[in-house]
N, C-alpha and C. Protein backbone atom coordinates (compact mmCIF):
# COMPACT_ATOMS: atom_id res chain seq x y z
N MET A 1 109.46 150.29 70.82
CA MET A 1 110.35 151.10 70.03
C MET A 1 109.51 151.98 69.12
N LYS A 2 109.92 153.21 68.99
CA LYS A 2 109.23 154.12 68.08
C LYS A 2 109.94 154.12 66.75
N VAL A 3 109.14 154.11 65.68
CA VAL A 3 109.67 154.10 64.33
C VAL A 3 108.88 155.10 63.51
N THR A 4 109.57 155.84 62.66
CA THR A 4 108.91 156.77 61.77
C THR A 4 109.03 156.24 60.34
N ILE A 5 107.90 156.11 59.66
CA ILE A 5 107.92 155.68 58.26
C ILE A 5 107.11 156.67 57.44
N GLU A 6 107.41 156.74 56.16
CA GLU A 6 106.65 157.58 55.26
C GLU A 6 105.82 156.69 54.34
N ILE A 7 104.53 156.96 54.29
CA ILE A 7 103.66 156.24 53.36
C ILE A 7 102.82 157.28 52.62
N PRO A 8 102.31 156.94 51.47
CA PRO A 8 101.49 157.89 50.71
C PRO A 8 100.27 158.35 51.52
N ASP A 9 99.94 159.62 51.38
CA ASP A 9 98.81 160.20 52.12
C ASP A 9 97.51 159.45 51.90
N ALA A 10 97.22 159.13 50.65
CA ALA A 10 95.96 158.45 50.33
C ALA A 10 95.89 157.08 51.02
N LEU A 11 97.01 156.37 51.04
CA LEU A 11 97.04 155.07 51.71
C LEU A 11 96.80 155.23 53.20
N TYR A 12 97.44 156.21 53.82
CA TYR A 12 97.25 156.42 55.25
C TYR A 12 95.80 156.77 55.57
N ARG A 13 95.18 157.59 54.73
CA ARG A 13 93.78 157.94 54.98
C ARG A 13 92.89 156.70 54.92
N GLN A 14 93.16 155.80 53.98
CA GLN A 14 92.39 154.56 53.90
C GLN A 14 92.60 153.70 55.14
N ILE A 15 93.85 153.59 55.58
CA ILE A 15 94.16 152.79 56.77
C ILE A 15 93.49 153.39 58.00
N LYS A 16 93.59 154.70 58.13
CA LYS A 16 93.01 155.39 59.29
C LYS A 16 91.49 155.19 59.31
N ALA A 17 90.83 155.35 58.17
CA ALA A 17 89.38 155.20 58.11
C ALA A 17 88.95 153.77 58.42
N ARG A 18 89.62 152.81 57.81
CA ARG A 18 89.23 151.41 58.03
C ARG A 18 89.49 150.97 59.46
N SER A 19 90.62 151.41 60.03
CA SER A 19 90.90 151.02 61.41
C SER A 19 89.89 151.67 62.37
N ALA A 20 89.49 152.91 62.08
CA ALA A 20 88.50 153.59 62.92
C ALA A 20 87.15 152.87 62.85
N LEU A 21 86.77 152.44 61.65
CA LEU A 21 85.51 151.71 61.50
C LEU A 21 85.54 150.41 62.29
N GLY A 22 86.71 149.82 62.41
CA GLY A 22 86.84 148.57 63.15
C GLY A 22 87.14 148.78 64.63
N GLY A 23 87.20 150.04 65.05
CA GLY A 23 87.46 150.35 66.46
C GLY A 23 88.90 150.03 66.87
N ARG A 24 89.81 150.13 65.94
CA ARG A 24 91.22 149.82 66.22
C ARG A 24 92.09 151.02 65.90
N SER A 25 93.25 151.05 66.50
CA SER A 25 94.19 152.12 66.21
C SER A 25 95.07 151.74 65.01
N VAL A 26 95.63 152.73 64.36
CA VAL A 26 96.55 152.48 63.25
C VAL A 26 97.75 151.70 63.77
N ARG A 27 98.18 152.00 64.98
CA ARG A 27 99.30 151.27 65.60
C ARG A 27 99.00 149.79 65.69
N ASP A 28 97.82 149.43 66.18
CA ASP A 28 97.45 148.01 66.31
C ASP A 28 97.38 147.32 64.95
N VAL A 29 96.84 148.01 63.96
CA VAL A 29 96.74 147.44 62.62
C VAL A 29 98.14 147.23 62.05
N THR A 30 99.03 148.19 62.27
CA THR A 30 100.40 148.09 61.77
C THR A 30 101.14 146.92 62.42
N ILE A 31 101.01 146.78 63.72
CA ILE A 31 101.65 145.67 64.42
C ILE A 31 101.13 144.34 63.90
N GLU A 32 99.83 144.25 63.71
CA GLU A 32 99.24 143.02 63.18
C GLU A 32 99.79 142.71 61.78
N ALA A 33 99.90 143.73 60.94
CA ALA A 33 100.42 143.53 59.59
C ALA A 33 101.85 143.01 59.62
N TYR A 34 102.68 143.58 60.48
CA TYR A 34 104.07 143.10 60.60
C TYR A 34 104.12 141.67 61.11
N ARG A 35 103.30 141.36 62.11
CA ARG A 35 103.31 139.98 62.65
C ARG A 35 102.88 138.97 61.60
N ARG A 36 101.84 139.29 60.84
CA ARG A 36 101.40 138.38 59.78
C ARG A 36 102.48 138.20 58.72
N TRP A 37 103.12 139.29 58.34
CA TRP A 37 104.18 139.24 57.33
C TRP A 37 105.34 138.37 57.81
N LEU A 38 105.75 138.53 59.05
CA LEU A 38 106.84 137.72 59.60
C LEU A 38 106.46 136.24 59.68
N ALA A 39 105.21 135.97 59.99
CA ALA A 39 104.75 134.58 60.13
C ALA A 39 104.71 133.86 58.79
N GLU A 40 104.43 134.57 57.70
CA GLU A 40 104.28 133.90 56.41
C GLU A 40 105.49 134.04 55.50
N THR A 41 106.46 134.85 55.84
CA THR A 41 107.62 135.08 54.98
C THR A 41 108.86 134.44 55.58
N PRO A 42 109.51 133.52 54.84
CA PRO A 42 110.74 132.92 55.36
C PRO A 42 111.86 133.95 55.39
N ALA A 43 112.82 133.74 56.26
CA ALA A 43 113.96 134.64 56.35
C ALA A 43 114.71 134.66 55.02
N PRO A 44 115.03 135.85 54.48
CA PRO A 44 115.68 135.92 53.18
C PRO A 44 117.17 135.62 53.20
N TYR A 45 117.77 135.54 54.36
CA TYR A 45 119.20 135.28 54.42
C TYR A 45 119.55 134.54 55.71
N VAL A 46 120.76 134.00 55.74
CA VAL A 46 121.22 133.24 56.89
C VAL A 46 122.23 134.09 57.64
N THR A 47 122.16 134.10 58.97
CA THR A 47 123.03 134.98 59.74
C THR A 47 124.25 134.29 60.34
N THR A 48 124.30 132.97 60.35
CA THR A 48 125.45 132.30 60.93
C THR A 48 126.30 131.66 59.85
N ASP A 49 127.60 131.54 60.11
CA ASP A 49 128.53 131.01 59.12
C ASP A 49 128.31 129.53 58.83
N ASP A 50 127.86 128.74 59.82
CA ASP A 50 127.71 127.30 59.62
C ASP A 50 126.29 126.89 59.22
N ALA A 51 125.44 127.85 58.92
CA ALA A 51 124.06 127.55 58.56
C ALA A 51 123.98 127.07 57.11
N GLN A 52 122.87 126.43 56.78
CA GLN A 52 122.63 125.94 55.44
C GLN A 52 122.41 127.12 54.49
N PRO A 53 122.81 126.98 53.22
CA PRO A 53 122.58 128.08 52.28
C PRO A 53 121.09 128.30 52.04
N THR A 54 120.74 129.51 51.70
CA THR A 54 119.34 129.81 51.40
C THR A 54 118.97 129.25 50.04
N ALA A 55 117.69 129.25 49.74
CA ALA A 55 117.22 128.74 48.44
C ALA A 55 117.82 129.57 47.31
N GLY A 56 117.93 130.87 47.50
CA GLY A 56 118.51 131.73 46.48
C GLY A 56 119.98 131.42 46.24
N GLU A 57 120.71 131.18 47.31
CA GLU A 57 122.13 130.84 47.17
C GLU A 57 122.30 129.49 46.48
N THR A 58 121.45 128.55 46.83
CA THR A 58 121.50 127.23 46.19
C THR A 58 121.18 127.34 44.71
N TRP A 59 120.15 128.12 44.36
CA TRP A 59 119.77 128.33 42.97
C TRP A 59 120.91 128.99 42.19
N LEU A 60 121.53 130.02 42.78
CA LEU A 60 122.60 130.74 42.10
C LEU A 60 123.80 129.82 41.85
N THR A 61 124.15 129.00 42.82
CA THR A 61 125.26 128.06 42.66
C THR A 61 124.97 127.08 41.52
N ALA A 62 123.75 126.56 41.48
CA ALA A 62 123.37 125.63 40.41
C ALA A 62 123.38 126.34 39.06
N TRP A 63 122.91 127.57 39.01
CA TRP A 63 122.88 128.34 37.77
C TRP A 63 124.30 128.60 37.26
N GLU A 64 125.21 128.96 38.16
CA GLU A 64 126.60 129.20 37.77
C GLU A 64 127.26 127.92 37.26
N ALA A 65 126.97 126.79 37.91
CA ALA A 65 127.51 125.51 37.45
C ALA A 65 126.99 125.17 36.06
N LEU A 66 125.72 125.44 35.81
CA LEU A 66 125.15 125.19 34.49
C LEU A 66 125.80 126.08 33.43
N ALA A 67 126.11 127.31 33.79
CA ALA A 67 126.77 128.22 32.85
C ALA A 67 128.15 127.69 32.47
N VAL A 68 128.90 127.21 33.46
CA VAL A 68 130.23 126.65 33.20
C VAL A 68 130.10 125.41 32.33
N GLU A 69 129.17 124.53 32.65
CA GLU A 69 128.95 123.30 31.88
C GLU A 69 128.57 123.62 30.44
N THR A 70 127.70 124.59 30.26
CA THR A 70 127.28 124.99 28.91
C THR A 70 128.44 125.57 28.12
N ALA A 71 129.23 126.42 28.76
CA ALA A 71 130.38 127.02 28.08
C ALA A 71 131.41 125.96 27.68
N GLU A 72 131.63 124.99 28.55
CA GLU A 72 132.60 123.94 28.25
C GLU A 72 132.10 123.01 27.15
N ALA A 73 130.79 122.85 27.02
CA ALA A 73 130.22 121.95 26.01
C ALA A 73 130.04 122.65 24.66
N ALA A 74 130.27 123.94 24.60
CA ALA A 74 130.07 124.68 23.36
C ALA A 74 131.05 124.22 22.30
N VAL A 75 130.56 124.09 21.08
CA VAL A 75 131.40 123.66 19.96
C VAL A 75 132.32 124.80 19.54
N ASP A 76 131.79 125.99 19.43
CA ASP A 76 132.56 127.16 19.02
C ASP A 76 132.86 127.98 20.27
N LEU A 77 134.12 128.07 20.65
CA LEU A 77 134.49 128.74 21.89
C LEU A 77 134.68 130.25 21.71
N ARG A 78 134.42 130.74 20.49
CA ARG A 78 134.52 132.19 20.29
C ARG A 78 133.35 132.90 20.96
N THR A 79 133.58 134.15 21.31
CA THR A 79 132.50 134.95 21.87
C THR A 79 131.53 135.32 20.76
N PRO A 80 130.30 135.70 21.09
CA PRO A 80 129.35 136.12 20.05
C PRO A 80 129.91 137.27 19.21
N ARG A 81 130.62 138.17 19.84
CA ARG A 81 131.23 139.30 19.11
C ARG A 81 132.23 138.79 18.08
N GLU A 82 133.06 137.85 18.47
CA GLU A 82 134.06 137.29 17.55
C GLU A 82 133.38 136.58 16.37
N ILE A 83 132.31 135.87 16.65
CA ILE A 83 131.58 135.17 15.59
C ILE A 83 130.98 136.17 14.60
N LEU A 84 130.34 137.22 15.12
CA LEU A 84 129.73 138.23 14.26
C LEU A 84 130.78 138.94 13.40
N LEU A 85 131.90 139.29 14.01
CA LEU A 85 132.96 139.96 13.26
C LEU A 85 133.51 139.05 12.16
N ALA A 86 133.67 137.78 12.46
CA ALA A 86 134.17 136.83 11.46
C ALA A 86 133.16 136.66 10.32
N ASP A 87 131.88 136.67 10.62
CA ASP A 87 130.85 136.55 9.59
C ASP A 87 130.80 137.77 8.67
N ARG A 88 131.15 138.91 9.20
CA ARG A 88 131.11 140.15 8.40
C ARG A 88 132.28 140.24 7.43
N ARG A 89 133.33 139.47 7.67
CA ARG A 89 134.53 139.53 6.81
C ARG A 89 134.35 138.74 5.57
């Protein structure tokens, strides 16, 4: 598949020079970079409905539960704005 990407000129010149010194094409270096990135980076999202939630989804659910727990445990249920306005009176 052919893909067109835009990268800064200075970066491309560095890639082109280094790949030439190593006797490799920019295409080969690019493919290698993508393969390494895919091998070391976990998938950021889940594509099926019955799959396990991602770490980010699990974290967000726990964070939201903590927010509800904290709000319910608060002694003063007024908003910060309401508290400030009451203090100014």
